[in-house]
Amino acid sequence: MPDAPEGNPQRSPDSRIPWSELLLRLFREDVLAFPCGGRRKVIAFINERAVIERILGHLGLPATGPPIAPAHLPAHSQSSQWQDAVPELQQSLR
């Protein structure tokens, strides 16, 4: 197996991929990079609801997400079903 570049250490195939690397692959955005060129370091991962609510409350931030609107179809779609645009596309390509 060829040597890995210095920035990407070789991992065993069964090891986990760090979340920051997954986000980099998905969004092409390095979530740990500062605009000044520095790097963030994760020092804690908090997943207890009560602790999160206390921290957010202390910071004056809401502890709940935004309200979610119920899903609905637009008024004009209720009478018409989904239509396939392939025949029109094929005609336009001829």
Protein backbone atom coordinates (compact mmCIF):
# COMPACT_ATOMS: atom_id res chain seq x y z
CA MET A 1 0.00 0.00 0.00
CA PRO A 2 1.49 3.42 -0.91
CA ASP A 3 2.38 5.84 1.84
CA ALA A 4 -0.33 8.36 2.77
CA PRO A 5 0.33 12.09 2.32
CA GLU A 6 1.57 13.80 5.45
CA GLY A 7 -1.78 15.55 6.10
CA ASN A 8 -3.84 12.34 5.81
CA PRO A 9 -2.64 9.57 8.15
CA GLN A 10 -3.40 6.02 6.99
CA ARG A 11 -6.35 4.41 8.82
CA SER A 12 -7.32 0.80 9.06
CA PRO A 13 -10.40 0.04 6.91
CA ASP A 14 -12.59 -0.74 9.93
CA SER A 15 -11.81 2.46 11.86
CA ARG A 16 -14.27 5.32 12.24
CA ILE A 17 -13.99 8.52 10.23
CA PRO A 18 -14.02 11.71 12.36
CA TRP A 19 -17.17 13.84 11.96
CA SER A 20 -15.10 16.82 10.81
CA GLU A 21 -13.66 14.76 7.96
CA LEU A 22 -17.14 13.54 6.97
CA LEU A 23 -18.40 17.14 6.86
CA LEU A 24 -15.37 18.11 4.78
CA ARG A 25 -16.15 15.34 2.29
CA LEU A 26 -19.84 16.19 2.14
CA PHE A 27 -19.85 19.99 2.11
CA ARG A 28 -16.22 20.71 1.12
CA GLU A 29 -16.02 22.92 4.19
CA ASP A 30 -13.43 22.42 6.92
CA VAL A 31 -15.49 22.99 10.06
CA LEU A 32 -12.38 23.12 12.25
CA ALA A 33 -10.67 25.89 10.25
CA PHE A 34 -10.66 29.48 11.55
CA PRO A 35 -10.77 32.33 8.98
CA CYS A 36 -7.39 33.51 10.37
CA GLY A 37 -5.79 30.18 9.44
CA GLY A 38 -5.86 28.57 12.91
CA ARG A 39 -7.55 25.29 13.85
CA ARG A 40 -10.37 24.66 16.31
CA LYS A 41 -10.03 21.83 18.80
CA VAL A 42 -13.00 19.89 20.15
CA ILE A 43 -12.60 19.84 23.93
CA ALA A 44 -15.99 18.42 24.91
CA PHE A 45 -19.01 16.69 23.45
CA ILE A 46 -22.16 17.30 25.45
CA ASN A 47 -25.20 15.17 24.75
CA GLU A 48 -27.18 15.45 27.99
CA ARG A 49 -30.33 17.49 27.39
CA ALA A 50 -30.41 19.12 30.85
CA VAL A 51 -26.80 20.30 30.57
CA ILE A 52 -27.36 21.67 27.07
CA GLU A 53 -30.48 23.57 28.21
CA ARG A 54 -28.58 25.08 31.17
CA ILE A 55 -25.73 26.24 28.94
CA LEU A 56 -28.05 27.71 26.30
CA GLY A 57 -30.20 29.38 28.98
CA HIS A 58 -27.10 30.92 30.57
CA LEU A 59 -26.09 32.30 27.16
CA GLY A 60 -29.59 33.68 26.58
CA LEU A 61 -30.21 31.38 23.63
CA PRO A 62 -33.36 29.34 22.98
CA ALA A 63 -33.17 25.71 24.08
CA THR A 64 -35.72 24.56 21.49
CA GLY A 65 -35.59 24.44 17.73
CA PRO A 66 -37.70 26.60 15.44
CA PRO A 67 -41.36 25.65 14.96
CA ILE A 68 -41.99 23.23 12.11
CA ALA A 69 -44.84 23.99 9.72
CA PRO A 70 -47.05 21.05 8.77
CA ALA A 71 -46.47 19.62 5.31
CA HIS A 72 -49.12 20.39 2.71
CA LEU A 73 -49.59 20.34 -1.03
CA PRO A 74 -49.99 23.61 -2.95
CA ALA A 75 -53.63 24.32 -3.84
CA HIS A 76 -53.18 23.76 -7.59
CA SER A 77 -51.53 20.34 -7.07
CA GLN A 78 -54.48 18.73 -5.31
CA SER A 79 -56.34 17.96 -8.52
CA SER A 80 -53.34 17.07 -10.67
CA GLN A 81 -51.08 14.09 -10.12
CA TRP A 82 -47.34 14.01 -10.64
CA GLN A 83 -46.55 14.14 -14.33
CA ASP A 84 -43.51 12.83 -16.09
CA ALA A 85 -41.75 15.41 -18.26
CA VAL A 86 -39.76 12.79 -20.20
CA PRO A 87 -41.96 12.79 -23.36
CA GLU A 88 -41.70 16.59 -23.62
CA LEU A 89 -37.96 16.40 -23.02
CA GLN A 90 -37.54 13.74 -25.70
CA GLN A 91 -39.51 15.86 -28.17
CA SER A 92 -37.38 18.92 -27.42
CA LEU A 93 -34.17 16.94 -28.06
CA ARG A 94 -35.24 15.83 -31.56
